[in-house]
């Protein structure tokens, strides 16, 4: 019993990397952003960028931006050039796909002006968001920056994220609970109520058709009128620190930093309902989707997991190549969830549920099963809210995963 309890606790704290894999071509170092631009992946690291044009199978290093540049929070392409925004050292640009870099920070004046958070465009001009000095626009000669929009620096000088649609720029800035918009032809940012009086800001944006989604510390918000009004969608994540969004065509993903780890939530119905995935220790700094991979920029490198589409059939006769136990869905759940596992060969299978004390509380399967994909439902209507574990055992394979019941 003690051995099983230790294994279950280790599963919480030591933490579920089974579904996530590290990109081994990139050293274990802080990756401050991951961007997908024109079907190319860009990962910002210390003084350089890692670039992949084949979906992440191979990665190449850019040249060094500067000897003392460490963090690269923002990357974009504009007018055939690659732009990198750094923390404390302004903007660098490259006309040879990152082989060489030139500083481009003339005009970035003011406290925090050379700490870059984000890029976007408006009316054919490049706009940069800074961490303290508001926003700046690049001149037509691409040589100097000038302030644009006159954000109130005392409450919104720190710009966390920007996006654009139809030459309307939408920005998450400050912690006032407002979204700021720069309309076409305007020289003044306007503010819109974003969070119903809650003092927080939008940290990440994603578009689904004509709806824009904004991630904040308490959840995800949606606007169907280009940022003019906002509604909360799905369940908020009380106590989270940061949240990042990515969209892959049919699923909205949200990485939430909370209490020293991050969780990835997903929604397949445009944010109306969400389910959770494995908690991973550490912090995340952004998400990107390319093909069947979800990438996450982290303190300890670039990680990814393969995105799979599951059917609703109880059994799929196709034979998988290896054993696997997937995260239950939905998770958190109330009161029913489904556990999905794969067997490459037929055999005796045990699937049981345990509480935090390591005590067995339910047997979901204890019989011969054929090779293939299987799904077993557990209805926890008679159990209290809390963390539980499910364990799959066969003659050749065993795995345990946590799940959270919230009533």
Protein backbone atom coordinates (compact mmCIF):
# COMPACT_ATOMS: atom_id res chain seq x y z
CA UNK A 1 0.00 0.00 0.00
CA UNK A 2 2.82 2.42 0.89
CA UNK A 3 4.51 1.74 -2.43
CA UNK A 4 1.29 2.46 -4.32
CA UNK A 5 0.61 5.64 -2.28
CA UNK A 6 4.13 6.93 -2.97
CA UNK A 7 3.62 6.25 -6.67
CA UNK A 8 0.32 8.13 -6.69
CA UNK A 9 1.75 11.15 -4.87
CA UNK A 10 4.76 11.21 -7.18
CA UNK A 11 2.29 11.32 -10.05
CA UNK A 12 0.98 14.65 -8.66
CA UNK A 13 4.19 16.35 -7.73
CA UNK A 14 6.68 14.89 -9.99
CA UNK A 15 4.57 15.52 -12.67
CA UNK A 16 2.95 13.81 -15.70
CA UNK A 17 5.34 14.35 -18.60
CA UNK A 18 4.03 11.25 -20.36
CA UNK A 19 2.02 13.19 -22.91
CA UNK A 20 4.57 15.98 -23.36
CA UNK A 21 7.94 15.67 -25.07
CA UNK A 22 10.83 18.09 -25.04
CA UNK A 23 12.27 19.33 -28.34
CA UNK A 24 15.73 17.88 -27.88
CA UNK A 25 17.34 19.98 -30.63
CA UNK A 26 16.76 23.05 -28.44
CA UNK A 27 18.85 23.23 -25.23
CA UNK A 28 17.12 23.21 -21.86
CA UNK A 29 16.85 26.94 -21.36
CA UNK A 30 14.10 29.49 -21.05
CA UNK A 31 11.99 29.77 -24.20
CA UNK A 32 10.16 33.05 -23.83
CA UNK A 33 7.79 32.74 -26.80
CA UNK A 34 6.68 30.37 -29.54
CA UNK A 35 5.19 31.88 -32.71
CA UNK A 36 3.78 30.38 -35.92
CA UNK A 37 4.30 32.85 -38.79
CA UNK A 38 3.67 31.92 -42.44
CA UNK A 39 3.84 28.19 -41.58
CA UNK A 40 7.23 28.63 -39.87
CA UNK A 41 7.78 28.13 -36.12
CA UNK A 42 9.91 30.64 -34.20
CA UNK A 43 11.04 30.02 -30.59
CA UNK A 44 12.61 32.95 -28.73
CA UNK A 45 15.57 32.00 -26.51
CA UNK A 46 18.63 33.69 -24.96
CA UNK A 47 20.05 36.12 -27.55
CA UNK A 48 18.81 34.08 -30.51
CA UNK A 49 15.81 32.42 -32.14
CA UNK A 50 15.26 28.76 -33.05
CA UNK A 51 13.50 28.34 -36.39
CA UNK A 52 11.68 25.34 -37.91
CA UNK A 53 10.12 25.30 -41.38
CA UNK A 54 9.07 21.62 -41.29
CA UNK A 55 6.57 21.63 -38.43
CA UNK A 56 9.16 21.14 -35.70
CA UNK A 57 11.02 18.09 -37.02
CA UNK A 58 14.25 20.08 -37.38
CA UNK A 59 15.34 23.37 -35.80
CA UNK A 60 18.02 25.86 -36.84
CA UNK A 61 19.63 28.59 -34.76
CA UNK A 62 19.54 32.20 -35.86
CA UNK A 63 22.53 34.45 -35.43
CA UNK A 64 23.00 36.23 -32.12
CA UNK A 65 21.00 39.43 -31.69
CA UNK A 66 23.46 40.98 -29.23
CA UNK A 67 25.91 39.72 -26.67
CA UNK A 68 23.87 40.97 -23.70
CA UNK A 69 20.35 40.26 -25.00
CA UNK A 70 18.72 37.50 -22.98
CA UNK A 71 14.93 37.35 -23.33
CA UNK A 72 13.00 37.59 -26.64
CA UNK A 73 9.26 37.87 -25.79
CA UNK A 74 8.01 38.90 -29.28
CA UNK A 75 8.70 37.84 -32.89
CA UNK A 76 7.04 38.89 -36.15
CA UNK A 77 7.61 39.31 -39.89
CA UNK A 78 6.93 42.59 -41.68
CA UNK A 79 7.76 43.74 -45.21
CA UNK A 80 9.99 40.73 -45.80
CA UNK A 81 12.03 41.23 -42.64
CA UNK A 82 12.13 39.33 -39.36
CA UNK A 83 11.64 41.38 -36.18
CA UNK A 84 12.58 40.35 -32.63
CA UNK A 85 11.48 42.26 -29.54
CA UNK A 86 13.72 41.86 -26.51
CA UNK A 87 13.45 42.62 -22.82
CA UNK A 88 15.49 45.72 -22.07
CA UNK A 89 17.31 46.01 -25.40
CA UNK A 90 14.62 47.11 -27.84
CA UNK A 91 13.94 45.75 -31.31
CA UNK A 92 16.25 43.93 -33.70
CA UNK A 93 15.57 43.22 -37.37
CA UNK A 94 16.97 40.78 -39.93
CA UNK A 95 16.70 40.79 -43.71
CA UNK A 96 18.36 37.36 -44.11
CA UNK A 97 15.97 35.12 -42.12
CA UNK A 98 17.81 35.62 -38.85
CA UNK A 99 21.39 35.00 -39.97
CA UNK A 100 22.38 38.55 -38.99
CA UNK A 101 20.64 41.22 -36.94
CA UNK A 102 20.63 45.01 -36.71
CA UNK A 103 19.26 47.08 -33.81
CA UNK A 104 16.15 49.15 -34.60
CA UNK A 105 15.30 51.06 -31.43
CA UNK A 106 15.59 54.69 -32.45
CA UNK A 107 12.63 56.58 -30.98
CA UNK A 108 11.78 54.01 -28.32
CA UNK A 109 11.99 56.51 -25.50
CA UNK A 110 10.64 56.38 -21.97
CA UNK A 111 10.69 54.03 -19.01
CA UNK A 112 10.18 50.48 -20.29
CA UNK A 113 10.25 51.49 -23.98
CA UNK A 114 13.02 49.01 -24.80
CA UNK A 115 11.25 46.10 -23.13
CA UNK A 116 9.07 44.69 -25.90
CA UNK A 117 5.97 42.56 -25.35
CA UNK A 118 4.19 42.28 -28.71
CA UNK A 119 3.86 43.31 -32.34
CA UNK A 120 0.90 43.94 -34.63
CA UNK A 121 0.10 45.98 -37.74
CA UNK A 122 -2.37 48.71 -38.69
CA UNK A 123 -2.86 50.47 -42.02
CA UNK A 124 0.31 48.91 -43.38
CA UNK A 125 2.47 50.06 -40.44
CA UNK A 126 4.17 47.97 -37.76
CA UNK A 127 3.17 48.69 -34.16
CA UNK A 128 5.11 47.54 -31.10
CA UNK A 129 3.85 47.21 -27.53
CA UNK A 130 6.20 47.95 -24.66
CA UNK A 131 6.34 47.15 -20.96
CA UNK A 132 5.83 50.61 -19.54
CA UNK A 133 5.92 53.16 -22.36
CA UNK A 134 2.78 52.25 -24.33
CA UNK A 135 2.82 51.67 -28.09
CA UNK A 136 5.00 52.92 -30.95
CA UNK A 137 4.68 52.88 -34.75
CA UNK A 138 7.51 52.27 -37.21
CA UNK A 139 7.95 54.99 -39.85
CA UNK A 140 7.56 54.29 -43.57
CA UNK A 141 11.35 54.21 -44.06
CA UNK A 142 11.59 51.51 -41.34
CA UNK A 143 14.23 53.48 -39.48
CA UNK A 144 12.59 54.97 -36.37
CA UNK A 145 9.65 54.62 -33.98
CA UNK A 146 7.19 57.24 -32.76
CA UNK A 147 4.45 57.04 -30.07
CA UNK A 148 1.00 56.06 -31.35
CA UNK A 149 -2.39 56.14 -29.66
CA UNK A 150 -1.46 57.93 -26.42
CA UNK A 151 -2.22 55.13 -23.98
CA UNK A 152 -2.58 56.43 -20.39
CA UNK A 153 0.85 55.32 -19.21
CA UNK A 154 0.05 55.45 -15.51
CA UNK A 155 -2.60 52.71 -15.84
CA UNK A 156 -1.99 51.10 -19.22
CA UNK A 157 1.62 51.78 -20.17
CA UNK A 158 2.45 48.09 -19.98
CA UNK A 159 1.05 46.35 -23.05
CA UNK A 160 0.85 42.57 -22.68
CA UNK A 161 -0.69 41.52 -25.98
CA UNK A 162 -2.11 42.97 -29.20
CA UNK A 163 -4.10 41.68 -32.15
CA UNK A 164 -5.63 43.28 -35.25
CA UNK A 165 -8.61 42.75 -37.55
CA UNK A 166 -9.80 45.18 -40.21
CA UNK A 167 -7.21 47.75 -39.12
CA UNK A 168 -8.70 47.84 -35.63
CA UNK A 169 -5.98 47.08 -33.07
CA UNK A 170 -7.05 45.42 -29.81
CA UNK A 171 -4.68 45.54 -26.85
CA UNK A 172 -4.54 44.09 -23.37
CA UNK A 173 -2.78 46.69 -21.23
CA UNK A 174 -2.39 47.48 -17.55
CA UNK A 175 -4.54 45.79 -14.94
CA UNK A 176 -7.58 48.07 -15.07
CA UNK A 177 -10.01 45.51 -16.45
CA UNK A 178 -10.24 47.32 -19.80
CA UNK A 179 -9.52 46.35 -23.37
CA UNK A 180 -8.00 49.17 -25.42
CA UNK A 181 -8.86 49.64 -29.11
CA UNK A 182 -7.19 51.78 -31.75
CA UNK A 183 -9.74 52.26 -34.52
CA UNK A 184 -8.79 52.87 -38.18
CA UNK A 185 -7.76 56.49 -38.70
CA UNK A 186 -7.78 57.28 -34.97
CA UNK A 187 -4.82 58.65 -33.03
CA UNK A 188 -6.33 57.89 -29.60
CA UNK A 189 -6.88 54.55 -27.91
CA UNK A 190 -10.41 54.00 -26.62
CA UNK A 191 -11.14 51.67 -23.73
CA UNK A 192 -13.90 49.11 -23.38
CA UNK A 193 -15.09 47.23 -20.30
CA UNK A 194 -13.50 43.82 -20.56
CA UNK A 195 -13.96 41.88 -17.34
CA UNK A 196 -17.06 43.27 -15.64
CA UNK A 197 -15.19 45.32 -13.08
CA UNK A 198 -12.47 42.77 -12.30
CA UNK A 199 -9.01 44.33 -12.30
CA UNK A 200 -7.04 42.18 -14.70
CA UNK A 201 -5.82 42.34 -18.26
CA UNK A 202 -5.81 40.30 -21.44
CA UNK A 203 -2.53 38.43 -21.88
CA UNK A 204 -3.19 36.57 -25.12
CA UNK A 205 -5.58 36.68 -28.09
CA UNK A 206 -6.89 34.13 -30.59
CA UNK A 207 -9.40 34.37 -33.45
CA UNK A 208 -12.09 31.89 -34.49
CA UNK A 209 -13.75 33.23 -37.62
CA UNK A 210 -14.97 36.71 -36.59
CA UNK A 211 -14.85 36.08 -32.84
CA UNK A 212 -11.80 37.20 -30.87
CA UNK A 213 -10.90 35.43 -27.63
CA UNK A 214 -8.87 37.04 -24.85
CA UNK A 215 -7.18 35.05 -22.10
CA UNK A 216 -6.78 36.59 -18.64
CA UNK A 217 -5.99 35.41 -15.14
CA UNK A 218 -9.59 34.41 -14.35
CA UNK A 219 -10.53 32.78 -17.61
CA UNK A 220 -11.33 33.43 -21.25
CA UNK A 221 -13.50 36.19 -22.71
CA UNK A 222 -15.05 36.46 -26.18
CA UNK A 223 -16.06 39.36 -28.39
CA UNK A 224 -18.13 39.07 -31.57
CA UNK A 225 -17.90 42.77 -32.49
CA UNK A 226 -14.16 43.33 -32.83
CA UNK A 227 -13.53 44.00 -29.17
CA UNK A 228 -16.34 46.46 -28.45
CA UNK A 229 -18.11 44.22 -25.89
CA UNK A 230 -16.94 41.07 -24.12
CA UNK A 231 -18.54 38.04 -22.47
CA UNK A 232 -16.98 35.45 -20.20
CA UNK A 233 -16.98 31.97 -21.72
CA UNK A 234 -16.40 28.65 -20.03
CA UNK A 235 -15.16 28.32 -16.47
CA UNK A 236 -12.72 30.78 -14.94
CA UNK A 237 -9.52 29.60 -13.29
CA UNK A 238 -9.46 31.32 -9.90
CA UNK A 239 -5.96 31.94 -8.62
CA UNK A 240 -4.15 31.52 -11.92
CA UNK A 241 -1.37 33.94 -12.77
CA UNK A 242 -1.25 33.92 -16.56
CA UNK A 243 -3.10 32.34 -19.44
CA UNK A 244 -2.10 31.83 -23.09
CA UNK A 245 -4.26 30.83 -26.07
CA UNK A 246 -3.78 28.85 -29.27
CA UNK A 247 -6.30 27.63 -31.87
CA UNK A 248 -5.89 24.69 -34.23
CA UNK A 249 -9.00 24.79 -36.43
CA UNK A 250 -11.39 22.88 -34.18
CA UNK A 251 -10.01 23.25 -30.67
CA UNK A 252 -9.19 26.28 -28.53
CA UNK A 253 -6.28 25.59 -26.14
CA UNK A 254 -5.48 27.60 -23.00
CA UNK A 255 -2.29 27.16 -20.93
CA UNK A 256 -2.81 28.40 -17.38
CA UNK A 257 0.06 29.16 -14.99
CA UNK A 258 -0.93 28.46 -11.39
CA UNK A 259 0.99 27.78 -8.17
CA UNK A 260 4.25 26.65 -9.75
CA UNK A 261 2.78 24.51 -12.51
CA UNK A 262 0.64 24.94 -15.58
CA UNK A 263 -2.42 23.15 -16.88
CA UNK A 264 -3.68 23.02 -20.44
CA UNK A 265 -7.41 23.34 -20.95
CA UNK A 266 -9.22 22.80 -24.25
CA UNK A 267 -12.58 23.65 -25.74
CA UNK A 268 -14.14 22.18 -28.87
CA UNK A 269 -17.32 24.31 -28.74
CA UNK A 270 -15.90 27.82 -29.12
CA UNK A 271 -15.22 28.32 -25.43
CA UNK A 272 -18.60 27.28 -24.03
CA UNK A 273 -17.19 24.30 -22.12
CA UNK A 274 -13.63 23.37 -21.16
CA UNK A 275 -11.82 20.25 -20.06
CA UNK A 276 -8.44 20.03 -18.34
CA UNK A 277 -5.35 18.05 -19.20
CA UNK A 278 -2.21 17.04 -17.31
CA UNK A 279 -0.62 19.50 -14.86
CA UNK A 280 3.04 20.14 -15.72
CA UNK A 281 5.55 21.62 -13.27
CA UNK A 282 7.06 24.99 -14.14
CA UNK A 283 5.68 27.95 -16.06
CA UNK A 284 4.54 28.46 -19.64
CA UNK A 285 5.11 31.53 -21.82
CA UNK A 286 2.95 30.82 -24.83
CA UNK A 287 1.31 28.23 -27.06
CA UNK A 288 1.36 27.50 -30.79
CA UNK A 289 -0.24 24.79 -32.91
CA UNK A 290 1.31 23.38 -36.07
CA UNK A 291 -0.17 20.30 -37.72
CA UNK A 292 -0.87 17.71 -35.05
CA UNK A 293 1.42 19.25 -32.43
CA UNK A 294 0.70 21.69 -29.63
CA UNK A 295 3.90 23.54 -28.65
CA UNK A 296 4.50 25.22 -25.30
CA UNK A 297 7.31 27.68 -24.51
CA UNK A 298 8.61 26.97 -21.00
CA UNK A 299 11.30 27.83 -18.49
CA UNK A 300 13.03 24.54 -19.25
CA UNK A 301 12.85 24.56 -23.04
CA UNK A 302 10.33 23.97 -25.80
CA UNK A 303 7.86 21.13 -25.28
CA UNK A 304 5.11 19.64 -27.42
CA UNK A 305 2.36 17.06 -27.31
CA UNK A 306 0.60 15.31 -30.16
CA UNK A 307 -3.02 16.28 -30.71
CA UNK A 308 -5.33 13.34 -31.29
CA UNK A 309 -8.98 13.15 -32.27
CA UNK A 310 -10.93 10.48 -30.38
CA UNK A 311 -14.16 8.88 -31.50
CA UNK A 312 -17.16 8.19 -29.31
CA UNK A 313 -17.18 4.44 -30.01
CA UNK A 314 -16.61 2.13 -27.04
CA UNK A 315 -14.06 0.12 -29.00
CA UNK A 316 -12.01 0.82 -32.11
CA UNK A 317 -10.82 -2.40 -33.81
CA UNK A 318 -7.72 -0.71 -35.26
CA UNK A 319 -4.68 -2.05 -33.43
CA UNK A 320 -2.39 0.62 -31.92
CA UNK A 321 1.38 0.31 -31.97
CA UNK A 322 1.86 0.60 -28.19
CA UNK A 323 0.08 0.63 -24.85
CA UNK A 324 -1.15 4.02 -23.65
CA UNK A 325 -3.37 5.46 -20.95
CA UNK A 326 -4.83 8.86 -21.85
CA UNK A 327 -5.97 11.67 -19.58
CA UNK A 328 -9.64 11.30 -18.67
CA UNK A 329 -12.08 13.62 -20.44
CA UNK A 330 -13.55 15.89 -19.29
CA UNK A 331 -11.18 16.79 -16.48
CA UNK A 332 -12.11 18.38 -14.11
CA UNK A 333 -15.47 16.57 -14.29
CA UNK A 334 -18.86 16.33 -12.58
CA UNK A 335 -20.07 13.69 -12.15
CA UNK A 336 -19.04 11.50 -15.14
CA UNK A 337 -15.81 11.20 -17.06
CA UNK A 338 -14.42 8.85 -19.71
CA UNK A 339 -11.05 7.05 -19.54
CA UNK A 340 -9.44 6.15 -22.86
CA UNK A 341 -6.67 3.56 -23.26
CA UNK A 342 -5.00 1.57 -26.05
CA UNK A 343 -3.90 -2.06 -26.12
CA UNK A 344 -1.59 -3.41 -28.87
CA UNK A 345 -2.39 -7.03 -27.86
CA UNK A 346 -5.34 -8.78 -26.26
CA UNK A 347 -5.08 -9.74 -22.61
CA UNK A 348 -6.29 -9.36 -19.06
CA UNK A 349 -6.87 -5.71 -18.08
CA UNK A 350 -7.45 -4.10 -14.70
CA UNK A 351 -8.65 -0.49 -14.44
CA UNK A 352 -9.24 0.79 -10.91
CA UNK A 353 -9.84 4.11 -9.13
CA UNK A 354 -8.03 5.16 -5.93
CA UNK A 355 -8.40 8.02 -3.47
CA UNK A 356 -5.57 10.21 -2.11
CA UNK A 357 -4.84 7.65 0.61
CA UNK A 358 -4.16 5.00 -2.00
CA UNK A 359 -7.36 3.12 -1.17
CA UNK A 360 -9.15 1.36 -4.01
CA UNK A 361 -12.67 2.77 -4.35
CA UNK A 362 -13.90 1.48 -7.72
CA UNK A 363 -13.12 -1.25 -10.26
CA UNK A 364 -13.96 -0.15 -13.78
CA UNK A 365 -12.55 -3.15 -15.65
CA UNK A 366 -11.14 -6.53 -14.62
CA UNK A 367 -11.42 -8.84 -17.58
CA UNK A 368 -10.03 -9.93 -20.92
CA UNK A 369 -10.07 -7.20 -23.58
CA UNK A 370 -9.17 -7.35 -27.25
CA UNK A 371 -6.40 -5.28 -28.83
CA UNK A 372 -7.48 -1.80 -29.90
CA UNK A 373 -8.81 1.42 -28.39
CA UNK A 374 -11.15 1.29 -25.39
CA UNK A 375 -13.18 3.81 -23.41
CA UNK A 376 -14.62 3.28 -19.95
CA UNK A 377 -16.91 5.73 -18.17
CA UNK A 378 -16.84 6.43 -14.42
CA UNK A 379 -19.79 8.08 -12.70
CA UNK A 380 -18.63 9.65 -9.44
CA UNK A 381 -22.03 10.90 -8.30
CA UNK A 382 -21.59 9.24 -4.91
CA UNK A 383 -18.12 10.60 -4.18
CA UNK A 384 -16.85 13.87 -2.69
CA UNK A 385 -14.99 16.52 -4.66
CA UNK A 386 -11.25 16.05 -4.79
CA UNK A 387 -8.30 14.39 -6.49
CA UNK A 388 -8.57 10.74 -7.50
CA UNK A 389 -6.34 8.39 -9.47
CA UNK A 390 -7.04 5.74 -12.06
CA UNK A 391 -4.57 2.93 -12.70
CA UNK A 392 -4.39 0.63 -15.72
CA UNK A 393 -2.56 -2.69 -15.34
CA UNK A 394 -1.87 -5.41 -17.92
CA UNK A 395 0.70 -8.19 -18.08
CA UNK A 396 3.13 -5.90 -19.91
CA UNK A 397 2.11 -2.35 -18.99
CA UNK A 398 0.97 -0.24 -16.04
CA UNK A 399 0.21 3.48 -15.73
CA UNK A 400 -1.50 5.84 -13.28
CA UNK A 401 -3.04 9.28 -13.85
CA UNK A 402 -4.77 11.85 -11.63
CA UNK A 403 -8.25 13.23 -12.20
CA UNK A 404 -10.18 15.99 -10.45
CA UNK A 405 -13.83 15.76 -9.40
CA UNK A 406 -15.39 19.21 -8.86
CA UNK A 407 -18.99 19.44 -7.68
